[in-house]
Amino acid sequence: MIQTGFTIFWTPTAYEKYAKEPENKNFYRKAFLVVSFVMYVFGLLVIGFKDIIFLLFAKSYREASYIAPFLILMPIMYTISEITVVGINFKKKTYWHIVIAAISVLANFIGNTLLVPILGGKGAAISTGLSYIVFFAMRTAISKRLYEVKYDLSKIVMGNAVIVLVALVGTFKRSTLETILAASVGILFVLFLYRSELGHLVKRLKN
């Protein structure tokens, strides 16, 4: 719901901004930082409290909480990539979307082939989550070649490393407390990593 809602809002906004100010690339850079910060915090909260969230479902669904951590990478990576993919759309090179999708599917297929026989459903979830990182990386790299925006990708690399580590804890540790502690440490790291964006958001809320 968050992913779809953001896409519906962002797409016309981005096109309108490009039509009026095609050289104002700072707009996309700032949107990237704010949205990636919000999505990482959201994802870590979901992973941390996954066992509590799944208590709302029938008992037969409870075991599914152990495949949820890596699946949260799907909406995170897709939502952030909706910002970084603008170059492909602005320059009308939409055939790249087919290439990106095909390579991401191939990455997922290879991941499933290697991991599912060993880890079952957890392996499938890990493969799917990691293939969405590939999806994001390709969208961003190709888009930047067509429409150069100076995104701070170092924050994405560190943010992805944190959420993957926390997702591993949430996938393989049975202790709810351990998962919450890992997610809490992850959130603190993200807050420090995005401290300037956090200050900006607080200032905007006050205003």
N, C-alpha and C. Protein backbone atom coordinates (compact mmCIF):
# COMPACT_ATOMS: atom_id res chain seq x y z
N MET A 1 0.82 -1.21 0.00
CA MET A 1 0.00 0.00 0.00
C MET A 1 0.86 1.26 0.00
N ILE A 2 1.93 1.24 0.84
CA ILE A 2 2.83 2.39 0.88
C ILE A 2 3.54 2.57 -0.46
N GLN A 3 4.00 1.46 -1.02
CA GLN A 3 4.71 1.49 -2.30
C GLN A 3 3.81 2.05 -3.40
N THR A 4 2.60 1.53 -3.51
CA THR A 4 1.66 1.96 -4.55
C THR A 4 1.25 3.41 -4.35
N GLY A 5 0.96 3.78 -3.10
CA GLY A 5 0.57 5.15 -2.81
C GLY A 5 1.65 6.15 -3.17
N PHE A 6 2.90 5.81 -2.85
CA PHE A 6 4.00 6.71 -3.18
C PHE A 6 4.17 6.85 -4.69
N THR A 7 4.08 5.72 -5.41
CA THR A 7 4.25 5.76 -6.87
C THR A 7 3.20 6.63 -7.53
N ILE A 8 1.95 6.51 -7.06
CA ILE A 8 0.86 7.32 -7.62
C ILE A 8 1.12 8.80 -7.38
N PHE A 9 1.68 9.13 -6.22
CA PHE A 9 1.98 10.53 -5.90
C PHE A 9 3.22 11.01 -6.65
N TRP A 10 4.26 10.18 -6.68
CA TRP A 10 5.57 10.62 -7.17
C TRP A 10 5.64 10.80 -8.68
N THR A 11 5.06 9.89 -9.44
CA THR A 11 5.22 9.91 -10.90
C THR A 11 4.77 11.23 -11.53
N PRO A 12 3.54 11.70 -11.30
CA PRO A 12 3.16 13.00 -11.89
C PRO A 12 3.96 14.17 -11.32
N THR A 13 4.34 14.08 -10.04
CA THR A 13 5.14 15.16 -9.43
C THR A 13 6.50 15.27 -10.11
N ALA A 14 7.15 14.13 -10.35
CA ALA A 14 8.47 14.12 -10.98
C ALA A 14 8.40 14.66 -12.41
N TYR A 15 7.40 14.22 -13.17
CA TYR A 15 7.26 14.69 -14.55
C TYR A 15 6.98 16.19 -14.60
N GLU A 16 6.14 16.66 -13.70
CA GLU A 16 5.82 18.09 -13.66
C GLU A 16 7.07 18.92 -13.34
N LYS A 17 7.86 18.44 -12.38
CA LYS A 17 9.09 19.15 -12.00
C LYS A 17 10.08 19.16 -13.15
N TYR A 18 10.20 18.05 -13.85
CA TYR A 18 11.13 17.97 -14.98
C TYR A 18 10.69 18.89 -16.12
N ALA A 19 9.39 18.98 -16.36
CA ALA A 19 8.88 19.84 -17.43
C ALA A 19 9.16 21.31 -17.13
N LYS A 20 9.06 21.70 -15.87
CA LYS A 20 9.26 23.10 -15.49
C LYS A 20 10.73 23.44 -15.27
N GLU A 21 11.47 22.53 -14.61
CA GLU A 21 12.87 22.79 -14.28
C GLU A 21 13.71 21.55 -14.56
N PRO A 22 14.02 21.28 -15.83
CA PRO A 22 14.76 20.06 -16.17
C PRO A 22 16.17 19.99 -15.58
N GLU A 23 16.74 21.11 -15.23
CA GLU A 23 18.10 21.12 -14.67
C GLU A 23 18.12 21.14 -13.14
N ASN A 24 16.95 21.15 -12.52
CA ASN A 24 16.88 21.16 -11.05
C ASN A 24 16.97 19.72 -10.53
N LYS A 25 18.17 19.19 -10.52
CA LYS A 25 18.39 17.81 -10.11
C LYS A 25 18.47 17.66 -8.59
N ASN A 26 18.63 18.77 -7.91
CA ASN A 26 18.70 18.73 -6.45
C ASN A 26 17.38 18.25 -5.85
N PHE A 27 16.29 18.51 -6.54
CA PHE A 27 14.96 18.07 -6.10
C PHE A 27 14.91 16.55 -5.95
N TYR A 28 15.45 15.83 -6.92
CA TYR A 28 15.43 14.36 -6.91
C TYR A 28 16.41 13.82 -5.87
N ARG A 29 17.53 14.51 -5.70
CA ARG A 29 18.51 14.08 -4.71
C ARG A 29 17.92 14.17 -3.30
N LYS A 30 17.22 15.27 -3.01
CA LYS A 30 16.62 15.44 -1.69
C LYS A 30 15.49 14.43 -1.47
N ALA A 31 14.68 14.22 -2.49
CA ALA A 31 13.59 13.23 -2.38
C ALA A 31 14.15 11.85 -2.11
N PHE A 32 15.23 11.51 -2.78
CA PHE A 32 15.89 10.22 -2.60
C PHE A 32 16.34 10.03 -1.15
N LEU A 33 16.95 11.04 -0.57
CA LEU A 33 17.46 10.94 0.79
C LEU A 33 16.32 10.78 1.80
N VAL A 34 15.29 11.59 1.66
CA VAL A 34 14.17 11.55 2.61
C VAL A 34 13.41 10.23 2.50
N VAL A 35 13.11 9.80 1.28
CA VAL A 35 12.33 8.58 1.09
C VAL A 35 13.12 7.35 1.53
N SER A 36 14.41 7.29 1.21
CA SER A 36 15.21 6.14 1.64
C SER A 36 15.30 6.08 3.17
N PHE A 37 15.43 7.22 3.81
CA PHE A 37 15.45 7.27 5.28
C PHE A 37 14.15 6.72 5.86
N VAL A 38 13.03 7.20 5.37
CA VAL A 38 11.72 6.78 5.88
C VAL A 38 11.50 5.28 5.62
N MET A 39 11.87 4.81 4.44
CA MET A 39 11.64 3.39 4.10
C MET A 39 12.52 2.46 4.92
N TYR A 40 13.75 2.86 5.21
CA TYR A 40 14.62 2.02 6.04
C TYR A 40 14.07 1.90 7.46
N VAL A 41 13.65 3.02 8.02
CA VAL A 41 13.09 3.00 9.38
C VAL A 41 11.82 2.15 9.40
N PHE A 42 10.96 2.34 8.40
CA PHE A 42 9.73 1.54 8.30
C PHE A 42 10.05 0.05 8.22
N GLY A 43 11.01 -0.30 7.35
CA GLY A 43 11.36 -1.71 7.18
C GLY A 43 11.92 -2.33 8.44
N LEU A 44 12.78 -1.61 9.13
CA LEU A 44 13.38 -2.12 10.37
C LEU A 44 12.33 -2.29 11.47
N LEU A 45 11.36 -1.38 11.50
CA LEU A 45 10.28 -1.52 12.49
C LEU A 45 9.45 -2.77 12.21
N VAL A 46 9.17 -3.03 10.95
CA VAL A 46 8.39 -4.22 10.59
C VAL A 46 9.15 -5.48 10.96
N ILE A 47 10.47 -5.51 10.65
CA ILE A 47 11.27 -6.69 10.99
C ILE A 47 11.32 -6.88 12.51
N GLY A 48 11.55 -5.78 13.23
CA GLY A 48 11.67 -5.86 14.68
C GLY A 48 10.43 -6.39 15.36
N PHE A 49 9.28 -5.98 14.87
CA PHE A 49 8.02 -6.35 15.53
C PHE A 49 7.22 -7.37 14.73
N LYS A 50 7.91 -8.12 13.84
CA LYS A 50 7.21 -9.07 12.99
C LYS A 50 6.45 -10.13 13.78
N ASP A 51 7.04 -10.61 14.87
CA ASP A 51 6.36 -11.66 15.65
C ASP A 51 5.08 -11.12 16.29
N ILE A 52 5.12 -9.87 16.72
CA ILE A 52 3.93 -9.25 17.31
C ILE A 52 2.88 -8.99 16.23
N ILE A 53 3.34 -8.52 15.05
CA ILE A 53 2.42 -8.27 13.94
C ILE A 53 1.70 -9.55 13.53
N PHE A 54 2.45 -10.67 13.46
CA PHE A 54 1.86 -11.93 13.00
C PHE A 54 0.94 -12.55 14.04
N LEU A 55 0.93 -12.04 15.27
CA LEU A 55 -0.05 -12.49 16.26
C LEU A 55 -1.47 -12.09 15.86
N LEU A 56 -1.57 -11.09 14.98
CA LEU A 56 -2.88 -10.65 14.51
C LEU A 56 -3.50 -11.65 13.53
N PHE A 57 -2.67 -12.56 12.99
CA PHE A 57 -3.14 -13.55 12.03
C PHE A 57 -3.43 -14.88 12.71
N ALA A 58 -4.04 -15.76 11.95
CA ALA A 58 -4.32 -17.10 12.47
C ALA A 58 -3.02 -17.81 12.83
N LYS A 59 -3.11 -18.75 13.76
CA LYS A 59 -1.92 -19.44 14.26
C LYS A 59 -1.15 -20.13 13.14
N SER A 60 -1.86 -20.62 12.13
CA SER A 60 -1.20 -21.33 11.03
C SER A 60 -0.28 -20.44 10.20
N TYR A 61 -0.45 -19.10 10.36
CA TYR A 61 0.38 -18.16 9.61
C TYR A 61 1.63 -17.74 10.39
N ARG A 62 1.73 -18.08 11.66
CA ARG A 62 2.80 -17.55 12.52
C ARG A 62 4.20 -17.88 11.99
N GLU A 63 4.37 -19.09 11.45
CA GLU A 63 5.69 -19.50 10.95
C GLU A 63 6.14 -18.62 9.78
N ALA A 64 5.18 -17.99 9.11
CA ALA A 64 5.52 -17.13 7.97
C ALA A 64 6.30 -15.89 8.40
N SER A 65 6.31 -15.58 9.70
CA SER A 65 7.05 -14.42 10.18
C SER A 65 8.54 -14.55 9.91
N TYR A 66 9.01 -15.79 9.70
CA TYR A 66 10.45 -16.00 9.48
C TYR A 66 10.85 -15.80 8.02
N ILE A 67 9.88 -15.64 7.12
CA ILE A 67 10.24 -15.29 5.74
C ILE A 67 9.96 -13.81 5.46
N ALA A 68 9.29 -13.13 6.40
CA ALA A 68 8.94 -11.73 6.20
C ALA A 68 10.14 -10.78 6.14
N PRO A 69 11.20 -10.98 6.97
CA PRO A 69 12.30 -9.99 7.00
C PRO A 69 12.91 -9.67 5.64
N PHE A 70 13.21 -10.68 4.84
CA PHE A 70 13.83 -10.39 3.54
C PHE A 70 12.81 -9.90 2.52
N LEU A 71 11.55 -10.29 2.69
CA LEU A 71 10.53 -9.83 1.75
C LEU A 71 10.26 -8.33 1.91
N ILE A 72 10.61 -7.75 3.04
CA ILE A 72 10.40 -6.32 3.25
C ILE A 72 11.31 -5.50 2.34
N LEU A 73 12.37 -6.14 1.82
CA LEU A 73 13.24 -5.45 0.86
C LEU A 73 12.51 -5.12 -0.44
N MET A 74 11.45 -5.86 -0.75
CA MET A 74 10.71 -5.62 -1.99
C MET A 74 10.12 -4.20 -2.03
N PRO A 75 9.25 -3.82 -1.08
CA PRO A 75 8.72 -2.45 -1.13
C PRO A 75 9.77 -1.38 -0.88
N ILE A 76 10.79 -1.68 -0.06
CA ILE A 76 11.83 -0.68 0.21
C ILE A 76 12.60 -0.34 -1.06
N MET A 77 13.14 -1.36 -1.71
CA MET A 77 13.96 -1.14 -2.90
C MET A 77 13.13 -0.59 -4.06
N TYR A 78 11.91 -1.09 -4.22
CA TYR A 78 11.08 -0.61 -5.32
C TYR A 78 10.71 0.86 -5.13
N THR A 79 10.33 1.21 -3.92
CA THR A 79 9.91 2.60 -3.65
C THR A 79 11.07 3.57 -3.86
N ILE A 80 12.24 3.24 -3.32
CA ILE A 80 13.40 4.13 -3.50
C ILE A 80 13.79 4.21 -4.97
N SER A 81 13.71 3.09 -5.68
CA SER A 81 14.10 3.09 -7.10
C SER A 81 13.14 3.88 -7.97
N GLU A 82 11.91 4.12 -7.50
CA GLU A 82 10.99 4.94 -8.26
C GLU A 82 11.52 6.37 -8.41
N ILE A 83 12.38 6.78 -7.47
CA ILE A 83 13.02 8.11 -7.57
C ILE A 83 14.23 8.03 -8.48
N THR A 84 15.09 7.06 -8.27
CA THR A 84 16.34 6.99 -9.04
C THR A 84 16.14 6.56 -10.49
N VAL A 85 14.96 6.03 -10.83
CA VAL A 85 14.72 5.54 -12.20
C VAL A 85 14.26 6.65 -13.13
N VAL A 86 14.12 7.87 -12.63
CA VAL A 86 13.51 8.95 -13.44
C VAL A 86 14.22 9.18 -14.76
N GLY A 87 15.54 8.99 -14.81
CA GLY A 87 16.27 9.23 -16.06
C GLY A 87 15.77 8.37 -17.21
N ILE A 88 15.47 7.10 -16.93
CA ILE A 88 14.96 6.20 -17.98
C ILE A 88 13.62 6.72 -18.50
N ASN A 89 12.77 7.16 -17.59
CA ASN A 89 11.44 7.64 -17.99
C ASN A 89 11.50 9.00 -18.68
N PHE A 90 12.30 9.91 -18.14
CA PHE A 90 12.41 11.24 -18.75
C PHE A 90 12.95 11.17 -20.17
N LYS A 91 13.94 10.32 -20.38
CA LYS A 91 14.57 10.21 -21.71
C LYS A 91 13.85 9.22 -22.62
N LYS A 92 12.74 8.66 -22.13
CA LYS A 92 11.89 7.75 -22.90
C LYS A 92 12.65 6.52 -23.43
N LYS A 93 13.56 6.01 -22.60
CA LYS A 93 14.29 4.79 -22.94
C LYS A 93 13.67 3.62 -22.17
N THR A 94 12.35 3.46 -22.32
CA THR A 94 11.62 2.52 -21.47
C THR A 94 11.92 1.05 -21.77
N TYR A 95 12.60 0.78 -22.89
CA TYR A 95 12.97 -0.62 -23.17
C TYR A 95 13.93 -1.15 -22.10
N TRP A 96 14.61 -0.23 -21.38
CA TRP A 96 15.51 -0.66 -20.30
C TRP A 96 14.75 -1.36 -19.19
N HIS A 97 13.46 -1.03 -19.02
CA HIS A 97 12.68 -1.68 -17.96
C HIS A 97 12.57 -3.19 -18.21
N ILE A 98 12.46 -3.58 -19.48
CA ILE A 98 12.38 -5.00 -19.83
C ILE A 98 13.70 -5.70 -19.50
N VAL A 99 14.81 -5.05 -19.85
CA VAL A 99 16.13 -5.61 -19.59
C VAL A 99 16.35 -5.77 -18.09
N ILE A 100 16.01 -4.73 -17.33
CA ILE A 100 16.19 -4.76 -15.87
C ILE A 100 15.35 -5.86 -15.24
N ALA A 101 14.10 -5.95 -15.66
CA ALA A 101 13.21 -6.99 -15.12
C ALA A 101 13.74 -8.38 -15.43
N ALA A 102 14.23 -8.58 -16.65
CA ALA A 102 14.72 -9.89 -17.06
C ALA A 102 15.95 -10.30 -16.24
N ILE A 103 16.87 -9.37 -16.03
CA ILE A 103 18.08 -9.67 -15.25
C ILE A 103 17.73 -9.92 -13.79
N SER A 104 16.77 -9.18 -13.25
CA SER A 104 16.34 -9.38 -11.87
C SER A 104 15.68 -10.75 -11.69
N VAL A 105 14.88 -11.15 -12.67
CA VAL A 105 14.25 -12.47 -12.63
C VAL A 105 15.32 -13.56 -12.69
N LEU A 106 16.33 -13.36 -13.54
CA LEU A 106 17.42 -14.33 -13.65
C LEU A 106 18.16 -14.45 -12.32
N ALA A 107 18.43 -13.30 -11.68
CA ALA A 107 19.11 -13.31 -10.38
C ALA A 107 18.27 -14.06 -9.34
N ASN A 108 16.96 -13.85 -9.38
CA ASN A 108 16.07 -14.52 -8.44
C ASN A 108 16.03 -16.03 -8.71
N PHE A 109 16.02 -16.38 -9.98
CA PHE A 109 16.01 -17.81 -10.36
C PHE A 109 17.28 -18.51 -9.86
N ILE A 110 18.42 -17.87 -10.05
CA ILE A 110 19.69 -18.45 -9.59
C ILE A 110 19.69 -18.57 -8.07
N GLY A 111 19.22 -17.51 -7.39
CA GLY A 111 19.15 -17.53 -5.93
C GLY A 111 18.25 -18.63 -5.41
N ASN A 112 17.08 -18.80 -6.05
CA ASN A 112 16.16 -19.86 -5.64
C ASN A 112 16.76 -21.24 -5.87
N THR A 113 17.44 -21.40 -7.01
CA THR A 113 18.06 -22.69 -7.33
C THR A 113 19.10 -23.09 -6.28
N LEU A 114 19.85 -22.09 -5.79
CA LEU A 114 20.91 -22.36 -4.83
C LEU A 114 20.40 -22.49 -3.39
N LEU A 115 19.41 -21.67 -3.03
CA LEU A 115 19.02 -21.56 -1.62
C LEU A 115 17.80 -22.38 -1.22
N VAL A 116 16.84 -22.54 -2.11
CA VAL A 116 15.60 -23.25 -1.73
C VAL A 116 15.86 -24.70 -1.32
N PRO A 117 16.72 -25.45 -2.03
CA PRO A 117 16.97 -26.82 -1.59
C PRO A 117 17.57 -26.91 -0.19
N ILE A 118 18.27 -25.84 0.23
CA ILE A 118 18.92 -25.84 1.54
C ILE A 118 18.03 -25.25 2.62
N LEU A 119 17.36 -24.12 2.31
CA LEU A 119 16.64 -23.36 3.33
C LEU A 119 15.13 -23.33 3.13
N GLY A 120 14.64 -23.90 2.05
CA GLY A 120 13.20 -23.90 1.82
C GLY A 120 12.64 -22.51 1.58
N GLY A 121 11.52 -22.20 2.27
CA GLY A 121 10.87 -20.91 2.11
C GLY A 121 11.75 -19.74 2.49
N LYS A 122 12.59 -19.93 3.50
CA LYS A 122 13.52 -18.86 3.90
C LYS A 122 14.49 -18.55 2.76
N GLY A 123 14.94 -19.58 2.08
CA GLY A 123 15.84 -19.38 0.95
C GLY A 123 15.18 -18.60 -0.17
N ALA A 124 13.90 -18.93 -0.43
CA ALA A 124 13.16 -18.22 -1.47
C ALA A 124 13.00 -16.74 -1.10
N ALA A 125 12.73 -16.47 0.18
CA ALA A 125 12.57 -15.09 0.63
C ALA A 125 13.88 -14.32 0.51
N ILE A 126 14.98 -14.95 0.92
CA ILE A 126 16.30 -14.31 0.81
C ILE A 126 16.62 -13.99 -0.64
N SER A 127 16.38 -14.96 -1.53
CA SER A 127 16.64 -14.76 -2.95
C SER A 127 15.81 -13.62 -3.52
N THR A 128 14.54 -13.58 -3.15
CA THR A 128 13.66 -12.52 -3.66
C THR A 128 14.10 -11.15 -3.16
N GLY A 129 14.42 -11.06 -1.86
CA GLY A 129 14.87 -9.78 -1.30
C GLY A 129 16.13 -9.28 -1.96
N LEU A 130 17.11 -10.17 -2.13
CA LEU A 130 18.39 -9.78 -2.74
C LEU A 130 18.23 -9.43 -4.22
N SER A 131 17.30 -10.10 -4.90
CA SER A 131 17.09 -9.77 -6.32
C SER A 131 16.50 -8.37 -6.48
N TYR A 132 15.78 -7.90 -5.45
CA TYR A 132 15.27 -6.53 -5.51
C TYR A 132 16.38 -5.50 -5.30
N ILE A 133 17.44 -5.89 -4.62
CA ILE A 133 18.61 -5.01 -4.53
C ILE A 133 19.26 -4.90 -5.90
N VAL A 134 19.34 -6.03 -6.62
CA VAL A 134 19.85 -6.02 -7.99
C VAL A 134 18.96 -5.13 -8.86
N PHE A 135 17.64 -5.25 -8.70
CA PHE A 135 16.66 -4.45 -9.43
C PHE A 135 16.91 -2.96 -9.20
N PHE A 136 17.09 -2.58 -7.94
CA PHE A 136 17.36 -1.17 -7.59
C PHE A 136 18.68 -0.70 -8.21
N ALA A 137 19.72 -1.51 -8.07
CA ALA A 137 21.05 -1.13 -8.56
C ALA A 137 21.04 -0.90 -10.06
N MET A 138 20.37 -1.76 -10.80
CA MET A 138 20.34 -1.61 -12.25
C MET A 138 19.51 -0.41 -12.68
N ARG A 139 18.36 -0.23 -12.05
CA ARG A 139 17.53 0.95 -12.36
C ARG A 139 18.33 2.24 -12.14
N THR A 140 19.03 2.28 -11.02
CA THR A 140 19.77 3.49 -10.66
C THR A 140 20.94 3.73 -11.58
N ALA A 141 21.73 2.70 -11.86
CA ALA A 141 22.93 2.85 -12.69
C ALA A 141 22.57 3.30 -14.11
N ILE A 142 21.57 2.67 -14.71
CA ILE A 142 21.18 3.02 -16.07
C ILE A 142 20.58 4.42 -16.12
N SER A 143 19.73 4.73 -15.14
CA SER A 143 19.09 6.04 -15.09
C SER A 143 20.13 7.16 -14.96
N LYS A 144 21.15 6.94 -14.12
CA LYS A 144 22.17 7.96 -13.91
C LYS A 144 22.98 8.23 -15.19
N ARG A 145 23.14 7.23 -16.03
CA ARG A 145 23.84 7.42 -17.30
C ARG A 145 23.02 8.29 -18.26
N LEU A 146 21.71 8.23 -18.13
CA LEU A 146 20.83 9.00 -19.01
C LEU A 146 20.52 10.39 -18.47
N TYR A 147 20.48 10.51 -17.14
CA TYR A 147 20.13 11.77 -16.49
C TYR A 147 20.88 11.83 -15.17
N GLU A 148 22.05 12.43 -15.20
CA GLU A 148 22.96 12.39 -14.05
C GLU A 148 22.42 13.18 -12.85
N VAL A 149 22.19 12.45 -11.76
CA VAL A 149 21.80 13.06 -10.48
C VAL A 149 22.78 12.53 -9.44
N LYS A 150 23.30 13.42 -8.60
CA LYS A 150 24.30 13.01 -7.62
C LYS A 150 23.63 12.46 -6.35
N TYR A 151 23.09 11.25 -6.49
CA TYR A 151 22.51 10.57 -5.34
C TYR A 151 23.63 10.12 -4.40
N ASP A 152 23.36 10.17 -3.10
CA ASP A 152 24.35 9.70 -2.12
C ASP A 152 24.17 8.19 -1.96
N LEU A 153 24.76 7.44 -2.87
CA LEU A 153 24.57 5.99 -2.88
C LEU A 153 25.31 5.29 -1.76
N SER A 154 26.27 5.97 -1.14
CA SER A 154 26.98 5.36 -0.01
C SER A 154 26.01 5.07 1.14
N LYS A 155 25.00 5.92 1.29
CA LYS A 155 24.01 5.70 2.34
C LYS A 155 23.14 4.48 2.04
N ILE A 156 22.87 4.26 0.75
CA ILE A 156 22.09 3.09 0.36
C ILE A 156 22.89 1.82 0.61
N VAL A 157 24.18 1.86 0.29
CA VAL A 157 25.03 0.68 0.52
C VAL A 157 25.04 0.32 2.00
N MET A 158 25.25 1.32 2.86
CA MET A 158 25.29 1.07 4.30
C MET A 158 23.90 0.70 4.84
N GLY A 159 22.88 1.38 4.34
CA GLY A 159 21.51 1.07 4.77
C GLY A 159 21.11 -0.34 4.40
N ASN A 160 21.47 -0.77 3.18
CA ASN A 160 21.16 -2.14 2.75
C ASN A 160 21.92 -3.16 3.58
N ALA A 161 23.18 -2.85 3.90
CA ALA A 161 23.97 -3.78 4.73
C ALA A 161 23.32 -3.96 6.09
N VAL A 162 22.85 -2.87 6.68
CA VAL A 162 22.20 -2.93 7.99
C VAL A 162 20.92 -3.74 7.93
N ILE A 163 20.08 -3.46 6.94
CA ILE A 163 18.78 -4.13 6.91
C ILE A 163 18.94 -5.62 6.56
N VAL A 164 19.95 -5.97 5.75
CA VAL A 164 20.20 -7.38 5.45
C VAL A 164 20.67 -8.11 6.71
N LEU A 165 21.55 -7.48 7.49
CA LEU A 165 22.02 -8.10 8.74
C LEU A 165 20.86 -8.31 9.72
N VAL A 166 20.01 -7.29 9.85
CA VAL A 166 18.86 -7.40 10.75
C VAL A 166 17.88 -8.45 10.23
N ALA A 167 17.72 -8.51 8.92
CA ALA A 167 16.82 -9.51 8.33
C ALA A 167 17.35 -10.93 8.57
N LEU A 168 18.66 -11.10 8.56
CA LEU A 168 19.24 -12.41 8.86
C LEU A 168 18.93 -12.83 10.29
N VAL A 169 19.03 -11.87 11.21
CA VAL A 169 18.68 -12.16 12.61
C VAL A 169 17.20 -12.54 12.70
N GLY A 170 16.35 -11.76 12.04
CA GLY A 170 14.91 -12.02 12.09
C GLY A 170 14.52 -13.32 11.43
N THR A 171 15.33 -13.78 10.46
CA THR A 171 15.02 -15.01 9.74
C THR A 171 15.46 -16.26 10.50
N PHE A 172 16.63 -16.18 11.13
CA PHE A 172 17.23 -17.39 11.71
C PHE A 172 17.21 -17.45 13.24
N LYS A 173 16.84 -16.36 13.90
CA LYS A 173 16.76 -16.36 15.36
C LYS A 173 15.31 -16.50 15.79
N ARG A 174 15.06 -17.38 16.72
CA ARG A 174 13.69 -17.61 17.21
C ARG A 174 13.29 -16.62 18.29
N SER A 175 14.25 -15.95 18.87
CA SER A 175 13.96 -15.04 19.98
C SER A 175 13.42 -13.70 19.47
N THR A 176 12.22 -13.35 19.91
CA THR A 176 11.64 -12.06 19.54
C THR A 176 12.50 -10.92 20.09
N LEU A 177 13.03 -11.10 21.31
CA LEU A 177 13.84 -10.06 21.94
C LEU A 177 15.10 -9.78 21.11
N GLU A 178 15.74 -10.83 20.61
CA GLU A 178 16.94 -10.66 19.79
C GLU A 178 16.63 -9.87 18.51
N THR A 179 15.50 -10.19 17.92
CA THR A 179 15.10 -9.49 16.69
C THR A 179 14.82 -8.01 16.97
N ILE A 180 14.11 -7.74 18.06
CA ILE A 180 13.80 -6.35 18.42
C ILE A 180 15.08 -5.57 18.73
N LEU A 181 16.01 -6.21 19.45
CA LEU A 181 17.28 -5.55 19.76
C LEU A 181 18.08 -5.27 18.49
N ALA A 182 18.14 -6.23 17.59
CA ALA A 182 18.87 -6.04 16.32
C ALA A 182 18.24 -4.91 15.51
N ALA A 183 16.91 -4.89 15.44
CA ALA A 183 16.21 -3.83 14.70
C ALA A 183 16.44 -2.47 15.35
N SER A 184 16.46 -2.43 16.68
CA SER A 184 16.67 -1.17 17.40
C SER A 184 18.06 -0.60 17.10
N VAL A 185 19.07 -1.48 17.13
CA VAL A 185 20.43 -1.05 16.79
C VAL A 185 20.48 -0.56 15.34
N GLY A 186 19.77 -1.28 14.46
CA GLY A 186 19.72 -0.88 13.05
C GLY A 186 19.08 0.49 12.88
N ILE A 187 17.99 0.74 13.61
CA ILE A 187 17.32 2.04 13.52
C ILE A 187 18.22 3.16 14.03
N LEU A 188 18.92 2.91 15.13
CA LEU A 188 19.86 3.92 15.65
C LEU A 188 20.94 4.24 14.62
N PHE A 189 21.44 3.22 13.94
CA PHE A 189 22.46 3.43 12.91
C PHE A 189 21.89 4.26 11.76
N VAL A 190 20.66 3.93 11.32
CA VAL A 190 20.03 4.68 10.22
C VAL A 190 19.77 6.13 10.63
N LEU A 191 19.35 6.33 11.88
CA LEU A 191 19.13 7.70 12.37
C LEU A 191 20.42 8.51 12.34
N PHE A 192 21.53 7.87 12.70
CA PHE A 192 22.83 8.55 12.65
C PHE A 192 23.25 8.78 11.21
N LEU A 193 23.04 7.79 10.35
CA LEU A 193 23.43 7.89 8.95
C LEU A 193 22.67 9.01 8.24
N TYR A 194 21.40 9.16 8.58
CA TYR A 194 20.55 10.17 7.96
C TYR A 194 20.25 11.32 8.92
N ARG A 195 21.21 11.67 9.75
CA ARG A 195 20.96 12.69 10.78
C ARG A 195 20.60 14.05 10.18
N SER A 196 21.21 14.41 9.06
CA SER A 196 20.88 15.71 8.45
C SER A 196 19.46 15.69 7.90
N GLU A 197 19.05 14.58 7.28
CA GLU A 197 17.68 14.46 6.76
C GLU A 197 16.67 14.43 7.90
N LEU A 198 17.04 13.79 9.01
CA LEU A 198 16.16 13.77 10.18
C LEU A 198 15.95 15.18 10.71
N GLY A 199 17.04 15.95 10.79
CA GLY A 199 16.93 17.33 11.25
C GLY A 199 16.06 18.16 10.33
N HIS A 200 16.18 17.90 9.02
CA HIS A 200 15.35 18.62 8.04
C HIS A 200 13.87 18.28 8.22
N LEU A 201 13.57 16.99 8.42
CA LEU A 201 12.18 16.56 8.60
C LEU A 201 11.58 17.16 9.87
N VAL A 202 12.37 17.15 10.96
CA VAL A 202 11.89 17.73 12.22
C VAL A 202 11.60 19.21 12.05
N LYS A 203 12.49 19.89 11.34
CA LYS A 203 12.30 21.34 11.11
C LYS A 203 11.04 21.60 10.29
N ARG A 204 10.83 20.77 9.25
CA ARG A 204 9.64 20.95 8.42
C ARG A 204 8.36 20.69 9.22
N LEU A 205 8.39 19.67 10.08
CA LEU A 205 7.21 19.37 10.90
C LEU A 205 6.90 20.50 11.87
N LYS A 206 7.95 21.10 12.43
CA LYS A 206 7.75 22.23 13.34
C LYS A 206 7.13 23.42 12.61
N ASN A 207 7.59 23.62 11.37
CA ASN A 207 7.05 24.74 10.59
C ASN A 207 5.63 24.50 10.13
